[in-house]
PDB file of N, CA and C in Angstrom:
ATOM      1  N   MET A   1      68.201 -40.113  15.444  1.00  0.00           N
ATOM      2  CA  MET A   1      67.419 -41.292  15.114  1.00  0.00           C
ATOM      3  C   MET A   1      65.967 -40.928  14.846  1.00  0.00           C
ATOM      4  N   THR A   2      65.465 -39.939  15.585  1.00  0.00           N
ATOM      5  CA  THR A   2      64.065 -39.542  15.404  1.00  0.00           C
ATOM      6  C   THR A   2      63.826 -38.997  14.007  1.00  0.00           C
ATOM      7  N   LEU A   3      64.760 -38.219  13.500  1.00  0.00           N
ATOM      8  CA  LEU A   3      64.612 -37.665  12.154  1.00  0.00           C
ATOM      9  C   LEU A   3      64.566 -38.782  11.116  1.00  0.00           C
ATOM     10  N   LEU A   4      65.420 -39.756  11.262  1.00  0.00           N
ATOM     11  CA  LEU A   4      65.430 -40.881  10.336  1.00  0.00           C
ATOM     12  C   LEU A   4      64.130 -41.680  10.441  1.00  0.00           C
ATOM     13  N   ASN A   5      63.652 -41.903  11.643  1.00  0.00           N
ATOM     14  CA  ASN A   5      62.414 -42.633  11.853  1.00  0.00           C
ATOM     15  C   ASN A   5      61.232 -41.910  11.203  1.00  0.00           C
ATOM     16  N   ASN A   6      61.125 -40.610  11.418  1.00  0.00           N
ATOM     17  CA  ASN A   6      60.037 -39.839  10.810  1.00  0.00           C
ATOM     18  C   ASN A   6      60.140 -39.830   9.289  1.00  0.00           C
ATOM     19  N   SER A   7      61.351 -39.724   8.777  1.00  0.00           N
ATOM     20  CA  SER A   7      61.532 -39.718   7.322  1.00  0.00           C
ATOM     21  C   SER A   7      61.121 -41.040   6.701  1.00  0.00           C
ATOM     22  N   ILE A   8      61.466 -42.114   7.345  1.00  0.00           N
ATOM     23  CA  ILE A   8      61.104 -43.433   6.810  1.00  0.00           C
ATOM     24  C   ILE A   8      59.600 -43.634   6.849  1.00  0.00           C
ATOM     25  N   TRP A   9      58.981 -43.318   7.972  1.00  0.00           N
ATOM     26  CA  TRP A   9      57.540 -43.555   8.102  1.00  0.00           C
ATOM     27  C   TRP A   9      56.708 -42.664   7.199  1.00  0.00           C
ATOM     28  N   THR A  10      57.161 -41.461   6.940  1.00  0.00           N
ATOM     29  CA  THR A  10      56.357 -40.562   6.103  1.00  0.00           C
ATOM     30  C   THR A  10      56.663 -40.687   4.624  1.00  0.00           C
ATOM     31  N   SER A  11      57.801 -41.262   4.261  1.00  0.00           N
ATOM     32  CA  SER A  11      58.137 -41.323   2.842  1.00  0.00           C
ATOM     33  C   SER A  11      57.905 -42.681   2.198  1.00  0.00           C
ATOM     34  N   TRP A  12      57.805 -43.757   2.957  1.00  0.00           N
ATOM     35  CA  TRP A  12      57.681 -45.073   2.316  1.00  0.00           C
ATOM     36  C   TRP A  12      56.408 -45.222   1.505  1.00  0.00           C
ATOM     37  N   PRO A  13      55.248 -44.672   1.914  1.00  0.00           N
ATOM     38  CA  PRO A  13      54.072 -44.822   1.042  1.00  0.00           C
ATOM     39  C   PRO A  13      54.263 -44.134  -0.306  1.00  0.00           C
ATOM     40  N   CYS A  14      54.867 -42.951  -0.286  1.00  0.00           N
ATOM     41  CA  CYS A  14      55.100 -42.233  -1.545  1.00  0.00           C
ATOM     42  C   CYS A  14      56.100 -42.979  -2.416  1.00  0.00           C
ATOM     43  N   ILE A  15      57.170 -43.458  -1.817  1.00  0.00           N
ATOM     44  CA  ILE A  15      58.178 -44.181  -2.591  1.00  0.00           C
ATOM     45  C   ILE A  15      57.581 -45.438  -3.207  1.00  0.00           C
ATOM     46  N   PHE A  16      56.815 -46.191  -2.427  1.00  0.00           N
ATOM     47  CA  PHE A  16      56.196 -47.407  -2.944  1.00  0.00           C
ATOM     48  C   PHE A  16      55.208 -47.076  -4.056  1.00  0.00           C
ATOM     49  N   ASN A  17      54.364 -46.092  -3.807  1.00  0.00           N
ATOM     50  CA  ASN A  17      53.318 -45.745  -4.765  1.00  0.00           C
ATOM     51  C   ASN A  17      53.905 -45.229  -6.076  1.00  0.00           C
ATOM     52  N   TYR A  18      54.890 -44.357  -5.999  1.00  0.00           N
ATOM     53  CA  TYR A  18      55.437 -43.761  -7.212  1.00  0.00           C
ATOM     54  C   TYR A  18      56.437 -44.675  -7.906  1.00  0.00           C
ATOM     55  N   SER A  19      56.951 -45.674  -7.212  1.00  0.00           N
ATOM     56  CA  SER A  19      57.871 -46.594  -7.878  1.00  0.00           C
ATOM     57  C   SER A  19      57.133 -47.574  -8.784  1.00  0.00           C
ATOM     58  N   ILE A  20      55.845 -47.829  -8.536  1.00  0.00           N
ATOM     59  CA  ILE A  20      55.089 -48.737  -9.398  1.00  0.00           C
ATOM     60  C   ILE A  20      54.327 -47.989 -10.486  1.00  0.00           C
ATOM     61  N   GLU A  21      54.389 -46.662 -10.454  1.00  0.00           N
ATOM     62  CA  GLU A  21      53.688 -45.885 -11.464  1.00  0.00           C
ATOM     63  C   GLU A  21      54.359 -46.082 -12.826  1.00  0.00           C
ATOM     64  N   LYS A  22      53.560 -46.191 -13.840  1.00  0.00           N
ATOM     65  CA  LYS A  22      54.084 -46.420 -15.184  1.00  0.00           C
ATOM     66  C   LYS A  22      53.704 -45.250 -16.076  1.00  0.00           C
ATOM     67  N   ASP A  23      54.667 -44.728 -16.779  1.00  0.00           N
ATOM     68  CA  ASP A  23      54.425 -43.619 -17.680  1.00  0.00           C
ATOM     69  C   ASP A  23      53.880 -44.138 -19.007  1.00  0.00           C
ATOM     70  N   VAL A  24      53.068 -43.323 -19.641  1.00  0.00           N
ATOM     71  CA  VAL A  24      52.532 -43.679 -20.950  1.00  0.00           C
ATOM     72  C   VAL A  24      53.630 -43.436 -21.974  1.00  0.00           C
ATOM     73  N   GLY A  25      53.819 -44.388 -22.862  1.00  0.00           N
ATOM     74  CA  GLY A  25      54.870 -44.283 -23.868  1.00  0.00           C
ATOM     75  C   GLY A  25      54.568 -43.223 -24.916  1.00  0.00           C
ATOM     76  N   GLU A  26      55.585 -42.882 -25.668  1.00  0.00           N
ATOM     77  CA  GLU A  26      55.462 -41.841 -26.686  1.00  0.00           C
ATOM     78  C   GLU A  26      54.446 -42.238 -27.762  1.00  0.00           C
ATOM     79  N   PHE A  27      54.469 -43.470 -28.180  1.00  0.00           N
ATOM     80  CA  PHE A  27      53.550 -43.937 -29.209  1.00  0.00           C
ATOM     81  C   PHE A  27      52.103 -43.894 -28.720  1.00  0.00           C
ATOM     82  N   ASP A  28      51.862 -44.353 -27.497  1.00  0.00           N
ATOM     83  CA  ASP A  28      50.507 -44.345 -26.932  1.00  0.00           C
ATOM     84  C   ASP A  28      49.992 -42.930 -26.695  1.00  0.00           C
ATOM     85  N   SER A  29      50.869 -42.020 -26.321  1.00  0.00           N
ATOM     86  CA  SER A  29      50.418 -40.647 -26.097  1.00  0.00           C
ATOM     87  C   SER A  29      50.024 -39.947 -27.402  1.00  0.00           C
ATOM     88  N   LEU A  30      50.651 -40.331 -28.502  1.00  0.00           N
ATOM     89  CA  LEU A  30      50.255 -39.761 -29.793  1.00  0.00           C
ATOM     90  C   LEU A  30      48.942 -40.362 -30.294  1.00  0.00           C
ATOM     91  N   ILE A  31      48.704 -41.628 -29.987  1.00  0.00           N
ATOM     92  CA  ILE A  31      47.467 -42.277 -30.411  1.00  0.00           C
ATOM     93  C   ILE A  31      46.277 -41.819 -29.569  1.00  0.00           C
ATOM     94  N   HIS A  32      46.506 -41.603 -28.263  1.00  0.00           N
ATOM     95  CA  HIS A  32      45.431 -41.236 -27.337  1.00  0.00           C
ATOM     96  C   HIS A  32      45.681 -39.850 -26.736  1.00  0.00           C
ATOM     97  N   PRO A  33      45.428 -38.777 -27.470  1.00  0.00           N
ATOM     98  CA  PRO A  33      45.673 -37.441 -26.919  1.00  0.00           C
ATOM     99  C   PRO A  33      44.704 -37.069 -25.792  1.00  0.00           C
ATOM    100  N   LYS A  34      43.621 -37.846 -25.616  1.00  0.00           N
ATOM    101  CA  LYS A  34      42.683 -37.564 -24.528  1.00  0.00           C
ATOM    102  C   LYS A  34      43.317 -37.754 -23.159  1.00  0.00           C
ATOM    103  N   LEU A  35      44.432 -38.477 -23.091  1.00  0.00           N
ATOM    104  CA  LEU A  35      45.110 -38.683 -21.813  1.00  0.00           C
ATOM    105  C   LEU A  35      45.549 -37.363 -21.188  1.00  0.00           C
ATOM    106  N   TYR A  36      45.798 -36.356 -21.998  1.00  0.00           N
ATOM    107  CA  TYR A  36      46.286 -35.077 -21.503  1.00  0.00           C
ATOM    108  C   TYR A  36      45.189 -34.020 -21.427  1.00  0.00           C
ATOM    109  N   GLY A  37      43.971 -34.389 -21.764  1.00  0.00           N
ATOM    110  CA  GLY A  37      42.865 -33.428 -21.735  1.00  0.00           C
ATOM    111  C   GLY A  37      42.525 -32.947 -20.341  1.00  0.00           C
ATOM    112  N   ALA A  38      42.618 -33.818 -19.343  1.00  0.00           N
ATOM    113  CA  ALA A  38      42.280 -33.427 -17.978  1.00  0.00           C
ATOM    114  C   ALA A  38      43.235 -32.352 -17.459  1.00  0.00           C
ATOM    115  N   GLY A  39      44.503 -32.466 -17.788  1.00  0.00           N
ATOM    116  CA  GLY A  39      45.462 -31.447 -17.359  1.00  0.00           C
ATOM    117  C   GLY A  39      45.231 -30.116 -18.051  1.00  0.00           C
ATOM    118  N   GLN A  40      44.888 -30.153 -19.319  1.00  0.00           N
ATOM    119  CA  GLN A  40      44.636 -28.920 -20.058  1.00  0.00           C
ATOM    120  C   GLN A  40      43.343 -28.242 -19.604  1.00  0.00           C
ATOM    121  N   ASN A  41      42.385 -29.035 -19.143  1.00  0.00           N
ATOM    122  CA  ASN A  41      41.128 -28.469 -18.650  1.00  0.00           C
ATOM    123  C   ASN A  41      41.154 -28.151 -17.162  1.00  0.00           C
ATOM    124  N   ARG A  42      42.312 -28.243 -16.546  1.00  0.00           N
ATOM    125  CA  ARG A  42      42.516 -27.967 -15.126  1.00  0.00           C
ATOM    126  C   ARG A  42      41.596 -28.805 -14.233  1.00  0.00           C
ATOM    127  N   TYR A  43      41.488 -30.063 -14.552  1.00  0.00           N
ATOM    128  CA  TYR A  43      40.638 -30.956 -13.770  1.00  0.00           C
ATOM    129  C   TYR A  43      41.293 -31.321 -12.437  1.00  0.00           C
ATOM    130  N   TYR A  44      42.590 -31.571 -12.428  1.00  0.00           N
ATOM    131  CA  TYR A  44      43.281 -32.016 -11.220  1.00  0.00           C
ATOM    132  C   TYR A  44      43.814 -30.872 -10.373  1.00  0.00           C
ATOM    133  N   PHE A  45      44.172 -29.767 -10.984  1.00  0.00           N
ATOM    134  CA  PHE A  45      44.766 -28.648 -10.266  1.00  0.00           C
ATOM    135  C   PHE A  45      43.910 -27.406 -10.471  1.00  0.00           C
ATOM    136  N   ASN A  46      43.002 -27.168  -9.545  1.00  0.00           N
ATOM    137  CA  ASN A  46      42.183 -25.960  -9.582  1.00  0.00           C
ATOM    138  C   ASN A  46      41.861 -25.545  -8.151  1.00  0.00           C
ATOM    139  N   MET A  47      41.212 -24.410  -7.986  1.00  0.00           N
ATOM    140  CA  MET A  47      40.937 -23.892  -6.649  1.00  0.00           C
ATOM    141  C   MET A  47      39.944 -24.768  -5.888  1.00  0.00           C
ATOM    142  N   LYS A  48      39.004 -25.357  -6.588  1.00  0.00           N
ATOM    143  CA  LYS A  48      38.033 -26.226  -5.917  1.00  0.00           C
ATOM    144  C   LYS A  48      38.724 -27.448  -5.315  1.00  0.00           C
ATOM    145  N   LYS A  49      39.619 -28.067  -6.069  1.00  0.00           N
ATOM    146  CA  LYS A  49      40.367 -29.219  -5.561  1.00  0.00           C
ATOM    147  C   LYS A  49      41.267 -28.819  -4.394  1.00  0.00           C
ATOM    148  N   LEU A  50      41.909 -27.656  -4.504  1.00  0.00           N
ATOM    149  CA  LEU A  50      42.777 -27.180  -3.434  1.00  0.00           C
ATOM    150  C   LEU A  50      42.002 -27.019  -2.135  1.00  0.00           C
ATOM    151  N   TRP A  51      40.861 -26.353  -2.187  1.00  0.00           N
ATOM    152  CA  TRP A  51      40.073 -26.128  -0.975  1.00  0.00           C
ATOM    153  C   TRP A  51      39.430 -27.412  -0.465  1.00  0.00           C
ATOM    154  N   THR A  52      39.124 -28.339  -1.352  1.00  0.00           N
ATOM    155  CA  THR A  52      38.619 -29.635  -0.909  1.00  0.00           C
ATOM    156  C   THR A  52      39.680 -30.364  -0.096  1.00  0.00           C
ATOM    157  N   TRP A  53      40.922 -30.351  -0.574  1.00  0.00           N
ATOM    158  CA  TRP A  53      42.007 -30.988   0.165  1.00  0.00           C
ATOM    159  C   TRP A  53      42.263 -30.289   1.494  1.00  0.00           C
ATOM    160  N   ILE A  54      42.184 -28.965   1.522  1.00  0.00           N
ATOM    161  CA  ILE A  54      42.405 -28.228   2.764  1.00  0.00           C
ATOM    162  C   ILE A  54      41.313 -28.546   3.777  1.00  0.00           C
ATOM    163  N   ILE A  55      40.067 -28.611   3.331  1.00  0.00           N
ATOM    164  CA  ILE A  55      38.959 -28.930   4.241  1.00  0.00           C
ATOM    165  C   ILE A  55      39.082 -30.358   4.762  1.00  0.00           C
ATOM    166  N   PHE A  56      39.414 -31.302   3.881  1.00  0.00           N
ATOM    167  CA  PHE A  56      39.609 -32.679   4.344  1.00  0.00           C
ATOM    168  C   PHE A  56      40.759 -32.773   5.346  1.00  0.00           C
ATOM    169  N   ALA A  57      41.843 -32.050   5.103  1.00  0.00           N
ATOM    170  CA  ALA A  57      42.974 -32.063   6.031  1.00  0.00           C
ATOM    171  C   ALA A  57      42.563 -31.499   7.385  1.00  0.00           C
ATOM    172  N   PHE A  58      41.767 -30.437   7.385  1.00  0.00           N
ATOM    173  CA  PHE A  58      41.288 -29.847   8.634  1.00  0.00           C
ATOM    174  C   PHE A  58      40.399 -30.831   9.394  1.00  0.00           C
ATOM    175  N   ILE A  59      39.488 -31.483   8.688  1.00  0.00           N
ATOM    176  CA  ILE A  59      38.581 -32.446   9.324  1.00  0.00           C
ATOM    177  C   ILE A  59      39.367 -33.642   9.860  1.00  0.00           C
ATOM    178  N   HIS A  60      40.237 -34.210   9.033  1.00  0.00           N
ATOM    179  CA  HIS A  60      41.017 -35.365   9.481  1.00  0.00           C
ATOM    180  C   HIS A  60      41.927 -35.005  10.648  1.00  0.00           C
ATOM    181  N   GLY A  61      42.561 -33.849  10.568  1.00  0.00           N
ATOM    182  CA  GLY A  61      43.444 -33.422  11.652  1.00  0.00           C
ATOM    183  C   GLY A  61      42.703 -33.245  12.964  1.00  0.00           C
ATOM    184  N   ASN A  62      41.540 -32.603  12.913  1.00  0.00           N
ATOM    185  CA  ASN A  62      40.764 -32.410  14.142  1.00  0.00           C
ATOM    186  C   ASN A  62      40.239 -33.722  14.700  1.00  0.00           C
ATOM    187  N   LEU A  63      39.746 -34.597  13.838  1.00  0.00           N
ATOM    188  CA  LEU A  63      39.256 -35.888  14.316  1.00  0.00           C
ATOM    189  C   LEU A  63      40.365 -36.698  14.983  1.00  0.00           C
ATOM    190  N   LEU A  64      41.531 -36.726  14.354  1.00  0.00           N
ATOM    191  CA  LEU A  64      42.630 -37.485  14.935  1.00  0.00           C
ATOM    192  C   LEU A  64      43.152 -36.847  16.215  1.00  0.00           C
ATOM    193  N   PHE A  65      43.178 -35.529  16.275  1.00  0.00           N
ATOM    194  CA  PHE A  65      43.615 -34.850  17.498  1.00  0.00           C
ATOM    195  C   PHE A  65      42.669 -35.152  18.654  1.00  0.00           C
ATOM    196  N   PHE A  66      41.374 -34.996  18.436  1.00  0.00           N
ATOM    197  CA  PHE A  66      40.425 -35.226  19.518  1.00  0.00           C
ATOM    198  C   PHE A  66      40.317 -36.708  19.873  1.00  0.00           C
ATOM    199  N   PHE A  67      40.478 -37.583  18.888  1.00  0.00           N
ATOM    200  CA  PHE A  67      40.477 -39.011  19.175  1.00  0.00           C
ATOM    201  C   PHE A  67      41.639 -39.387  20.079  1.00  0.00           C
ATOM    202  N   SER A  68      42.820 -38.910  19.741  1.00  0.00           N
ATOM    203  CA  SER A  68      43.992 -39.282  20.537  1.00  0.00           C
ATOM    204  C   SER A  68      44.066 -38.531  21.858  1.00  0.00           C
ATOM    205  N   SER A  69      43.540 -37.317  21.915  1.00  0.00           N
ATOM    206  CA  SER A  69      43.617 -36.540  23.151  1.00  0.00           C
ATOM    207  C   SER A  69      42.556 -36.936  24.168  1.00  0.00           C
ATOM    208  N   TYR A  70      41.337 -37.114  23.709  1.00  0.00           N
ATOM    209  CA  TYR A  70      40.238 -37.356  24.636  1.00  0.00           C
ATOM    210  C   TYR A  70      39.679 -38.775  24.581  1.00  0.00           C
ATOM    211  N   GLY A  71      39.970 -39.476  23.529  1.00  0.00           N
ATOM    212  CA  GLY A  71      39.448 -40.831  23.411  1.00  0.00           C
ATOM    213  C   GLY A  71      40.262 -41.857  24.166  1.00  0.00           C
ATOM    214  N   TYR A  72      41.473 -41.503  24.500  1.00  0.00           N
ATOM    215  CA  TYR A  72      42.355 -42.427  25.195  1.00  0.00           C
ATOM    216  C   TYR A  72      42.849 -41.738  26.448  1.00  0.00           C
ATOM    217  N   THR A  73      42.189 -41.957  27.550  1.00  0.00           N
ATOM    218  CA  THR A  73      42.531 -41.233  28.770  1.00  0.00           C
ATOM    219  C   THR A  73      42.966 -42.191  29.875  1.00  0.00           C
ATOM    220  N   ALA A  74      44.015 -41.846  30.533  1.00  0.00           N
ATOM    221  CA  ALA A  74      44.499 -42.437  31.785  1.00  0.00           C
ATOM    222  C   ALA A  74      44.358 -43.945  31.882  1.00  0.00           C
ATOM    223  N   SER A  75      45.071 -44.666  31.063  1.00  0.00           N
ATOM    224  CA  SER A  75      45.073 -46.123  31.197  1.00  0.00           C
ATOM    225  C   SER A  75      46.386 -46.561  31.847  1.00  0.00           C
ATOM    226  N   LEU A  76      46.355 -47.702  32.437  1.00  0.00           N
ATOM    227  CA  LEU A  76      47.543 -48.230  33.105  1.00  0.00           C
ATOM    228  C   LEU A  76      48.290 -49.180  32.181  1.00  0.00           C
ATOM    229  N   ASN A  77      49.605 -49.144  32.276  1.00  0.00           N
ATOM    230  CA  ASN A  77      50.398 -50.099  31.496  1.00  0.00           C
ATOM    231  C   ASN A  77      50.724 -51.320  32.353  1.00  0.00           C
ATOM    232  N   GLU A  78      51.633 -52.173  31.876  1.00  0.00           N
ATOM    233  CA  GLU A  78      51.937 -53.425  32.578  1.00  0.00           C
ATOM    234  C   GLU A  78      52.593 -53.199  33.938  1.00  0.00           C
ATOM    235  N   GLN A  79      53.302 -52.087  34.101  1.00  0.00           N
ATOM    236  CA  GLN A  79      53.975 -51.797  35.368  1.00  0.00           C
ATOM    237  C   GLN A  79      53.083 -51.059  36.364  1.00  0.00           C
ATOM    238  N   GLY A  80      51.838 -50.793  35.993  1.00  0.00           N
ATOM    239  CA  GLY A  80      50.925 -50.088  36.886  1.00  0.00           C
ATOM    240  C   GLY A  80      51.050 -48.584  36.813  1.00  0.00           C
ATOM    241  N   LEU A  81      51.745 -48.071  35.799  1.00  0.00           N
ATOM    242  CA  LEU A  81      51.912 -46.632  35.637  1.00  0.00           C
ATOM    243  C   LEU A  81      50.934 -46.114  34.587  1.00  0.00           C
ATOM    244  N   TYR A  82      50.568 -44.852  34.725  1.00  0.00           N
ATOM    245  CA  TYR A  82      49.669 -44.248  33.745  1.00  0.00           C
ATOM    246  C   TYR A  82      50.419 -43.947  32.447  1.00  0.00           C
ATOM    247  N   GLN A  83      49.728 -44.098  31.324  1.00  0.00           N
ATOM    248  CA  GLN A  83      50.321 -43.738  30.042  1.00  0.00           C
ATOM    249  C   GLN A  83      50.506 -42.220  30.012  1.00  0.00           C
ATOM    250  N   ASP A  84      51.604 -41.771  29.487  1.00  0.00           N
ATOM    251  CA  ASP A  84      51.926 -40.355  29.521  1.00  0.00           C
ATOM    252  C   ASP A  84      51.675 -39.678  28.175  1.00  0.00           C
ATOM    253  N   HIS A  85      52.127 -38.440  28.082  1.00  0.00           N
ATOM    254  CA  HIS A  85      51.944 -37.632  26.876  1.00  0.00           C
ATOM    255  C   HIS A  85      52.646 -38.258  25.667  1.00  0.00           C
ATOM    256  N   TRP A  86      53.793 -38.886  25.880  1.00  0.00           N
ATOM    257  CA  TRP A  86      54.528 -39.517  24.788  1.00  0.00           C
ATOM    258  C   TRP A  86      53.681 -40.582  24.110  1.00  0.00           C
ATOM    259  N   PHE A  87      52.959 -41.369  24.896  1.00  0.00           N
ATOM    260  CA  PHE A  87      52.127 -42.420  24.332  1.00  0.00           C
ATOM    261  C   PHE A  87      51.012 -41.827  23.470  1.00  0.00           C
ATOM    262  N   LYS A  88      50.390 -40.744  23.939  1.00  0.00           N
ATOM    263  CA  LYS A  88      49.311 -40.110  23.158  1.00  0.00           C
ATOM    264  C   LYS A  88      49.836 -39.508  21.865  1.00  0.00           C
ATOM    265  N   THR A  89      51.006 -38.905  21.904  1.00  0.00           N
ATOM    266  CA  THR A  89      51.543 -38.315  20.680  1.00  0.00           C
ATOM    267  C   THR A  89      51.966 -39.401  19.693  1.00  0.00           C
ATOM    268  N   THR A  90      52.465 -40.518  20.198  1.00  0.00           N
ATOM    269  CA  THR A  90      52.799 -41.638  19.322  1.00  0.00           C
ATOM    270  C   THR A  90      51.541 -42.207  18.678  1.00  0.00           C
ATOM    271  N   LEU A  91      50.481 -42.325  19.448  1.00  0.00           N
ATOM    272  CA  LEU A  91      49.205 -42.790  18.910  1.00  0.00           C
ATOM    273  C   LEU A  91      48.686 -41.825  17.847  1.00  0.00           C
ATOM    274  N   SER A  92      48.772 -40.544  18.124  1.00  0.00           N
ATOM    275  CA  SER A  92      48.316 -39.531  17.169  1.00  0.00           C
ATOM    276  C   SER A  92      49.147 -39.575  15.882  1.00  0.00           C
ATOM    277  N   PHE A  93      50.464 -39.676  16.012  1.00  0.00           N
ATOM    278  CA  PHE A  93      51.346 -39.737  14.846  1.00  0.00           C
ATOM    279  C   PHE A  93      51.054 -40.975  14.008  1.00  0.00           C
ATOM    280  N   SER A  94      50.844 -42.106  14.654  1.00  0.00           N
ATOM    281  CA  SER A  94      50.537 -43.339  13.927  1.00  0.00           C
ATOM    282  C   SER A  94      49.214 -43.230  13.183  1.00  0.00           C
ATOM    283  N   CYS A  95      48.229 -42.601  13.794  1.00  0.00           N
ATOM    284  CA  CYS A  95      46.936 -42.410  13.130  1.00  0.00           C
ATOM    285  C   CYS A  95      47.074 -41.482  11.922  1.00  0.00           C
ATOM    286  N   VAL A  96      47.848 -40.423  12.057  1.00  0.00           N
ATOM    287  CA  VAL A  96      48.049 -39.486  10.946  1.00  0.00           C
ATOM    288  C   VAL A  96      48.734 -40.194   9.780  1.00  0.00           C
ATOM    289  N   ILE A  97      49.762 -40.972  10.065  1.00  0.00           N
ATOM    290  CA  ILE A  97      50.462 -41.700   9.008  1.00  0.00           C
ATOM    291  C   ILE A  97      49.509 -42.679   8.324  1.00  0.00           C
ATOM    292  N   SER A  98      48.675 -43.354   9.095  1.00  0.00           N
ATOM    293  CA  SER A  98      47.724 -44.303   8.512  1.00  0.00           C
ATOM    294  C   SER A  98      46.712 -43.607   7.615  1.00  0.00           C
ATOM    295  N   VAL A  99      46.175 -42.473   8.057  1.00  0.00           N
ATOM    296  CA  VAL A  99      45.189 -41.743   7.249  1.00  0.00           C
ATOM    297  C   VAL A  99      45.825 -41.206   5.974  1.00  0.00           C
ATOM    298  N   VAL A 100      47.012 -40.652   6.070  1.00  0.00           N
ATOM    299  CA  VAL A 100      47.695 -40.121   4.888  1.00  0.00           C
ATOM    300  C   VAL A 100      48.009 -41.233   3.897  1.00  0.00           C
ATOM    301  N   THR A 101      48.453 -42.380   4.396  1.00  0.00           N
ATOM    302  CA  THR A 101      48.749 -43.509   3.515  1.00  0.00           C
ATOM    303  C   THR A 101      47.486 -43.994   2.820  1.00  0.00           C
ATOM    304  N   LEU A 102      46.396 -44.089   3.546  1.00  0.00           N
ATOM    305  CA  LEU A 102      45.134 -44.498   2.927  1.00  0.00           C
ATOM    306  C   LEU A 102      44.675 -43.496   1.880  1.00  0.00           C
ATOM    307  N   ARG A 103      44.832 -42.204   2.168  1.00  0.00           N
ATOM    308  CA  ARG A 103      44.449 -41.188   1.185  1.00  0.00           C
ATOM    309  C   ARG A 103      45.284 -41.294  -0.083  1.00  0.00           C
ATOM    310  N   ILE A 104      46.558 -41.566   0.066  1.00  0.00           N
ATOM    311  CA  ILE A 104      47.419 -41.716  -1.107  1.00  0.00           C
ATOM    312  C   ILE A 104      46.958 -42.896  -1.949  1.00  0.00           C
ATOM    313  N   PHE A 105      46.693 -44.019  -1.316  1.00  0.00           N
ATOM    314  CA  PHE A 105      46.308 -45.210  -2.070  1.00  0.00           C
ATOM    315  C   PHE A 105      44.903 -45.103  -2.644  1.00  0.00           C
ATOM    316  N   VAL A 106      44.001 -44.428  -1.959  1.00  0.00           N
ATOM    317  CA  VAL A 106      42.640 -44.268  -2.485  1.00  0.00           C
ATOM    318  C   VAL A 106      42.630 -43.304  -3.664  1.00  0.00           C
ATOM    319  N   ASP A 107      43.402 -42.242  -3.573  1.00  0.00           N
ATOM    320  CA  ASP A 107      43.398 -41.228  -4.624  1.00  0.00           C
ATOM    321  C   ASP A 107      44.313 -41.547  -5.790  1.00  0.00           C
ATOM    322  N   THR A 108      45.039 -42.645  -5.734  1.00  0.00           N
ATOM    323  CA  THR A 108      45.926 -43.019  -6.825  1.00  0.00           C
ATOM    324  C   THR A 108      45.146 -43.809  -7.859  1.00  0.00           C
ATOM    325  N   PHE A 109      45.065 -43.268  -9.024  1.00  0.00           N
ATOM    326  CA  PHE A 109      44.376 -43.952 -10.116  1.00  0.00           C
ATOM    327  C   PHE A 109      45.197 -43.850 -11.392  1.00  0.00           C
ATOM    328  N   TYR A 110      46.477 -43.589 -11.239  1.00  0.00           N
ATOM    329  CA  TYR A 110      47.353 -43.498 -12.398  1.00  0.00           C
ATOM    330  C   TYR A 110      47.647 -44.894 -12.936  1.00  0.00           C
ATOM    331  N   LEU A 111      48.161 -44.933 -14.117  1.00  0.00           N
ATOM    332  CA  LEU A 111      48.528 -46.205 -14.732  1.00  0.00           C
ATOM    333  C   LEU A 111      49.789 -46.730 -14.063  1.00  0.00           C
ATOM    334  N   ASN A 112      49.722 -47.972 -13.615  1.00  0.00           N
ATOM    335  CA  ASN A 112      50.914 -48.586 -13.029  1.00  0.00           C
ATOM    336  C   ASN A 112      51.001 -50.034 -13.480  1.00  0.00           C
ATOM    337  N   VAL A 113      52.017 -50.729 -13.041  1.00  0.00           N
ATOM    338  CA  VAL A 113      52.258 -52.079 -13.505  1.00  0.00           C
ATOM    339  C   VAL A 113      51.193 -53.064 -13.048  1.00  0.00           C
ATOM    340  N   PHE A 114      50.433 -52.730 -12.003  1.00  0.00           N
ATOM    341  CA  PHE A 114      49.423 -53.648 -11.501  1.00  0.00           C
ATOM    342  C   PHE A 114      48.076 -53.523 -12.220  1.00  0.00           C
ATOM    343  N   ASN A 115      47.798 -52.376 -12.817  1.00  0.00           N
ATOM    344  CA  ASN A 115      46.505 -52.254 -13.501  1.00  0.00           C
ATOM    345  C   ASN A 115      46.649 -52.062 -15.000  1.00  0.00           C
ATOM    346  N   MET A 116      47.787 -52.358 -15.561  1.00  0.00           N
ATOM    347  CA  MET A 116      47.980 -52.262 -17.013  1.00  0.00           C
ATOM    348  C   MET A 116      47.720 -53.606 -17.647  1.00  0.00           C
TER     349      MET A 116
END
């Protein structure tokens, strides 16, 4: 069940985002060849972009780790018991999923059915 749960939570933003993406038609691509200029000039896939993503991942990962590890310490639940390691890891996982989903939606600027 855990594998299915992780798969659903990590894949639904991608599935939703890519299912609304709209491809440029053959006629429009011949009329507007500038649409492919960014790929030919290596604007989206280059070493600078790669290292920018790696640095952002390192910063986000460390912030979320320290937030969940040290920002939430020893609280009591309804039964009077202390929250355990499972609760902190669930909090950390939820924060990671939220940050990744936000990054996907912020960085998506492709043509889709909502902005055409």
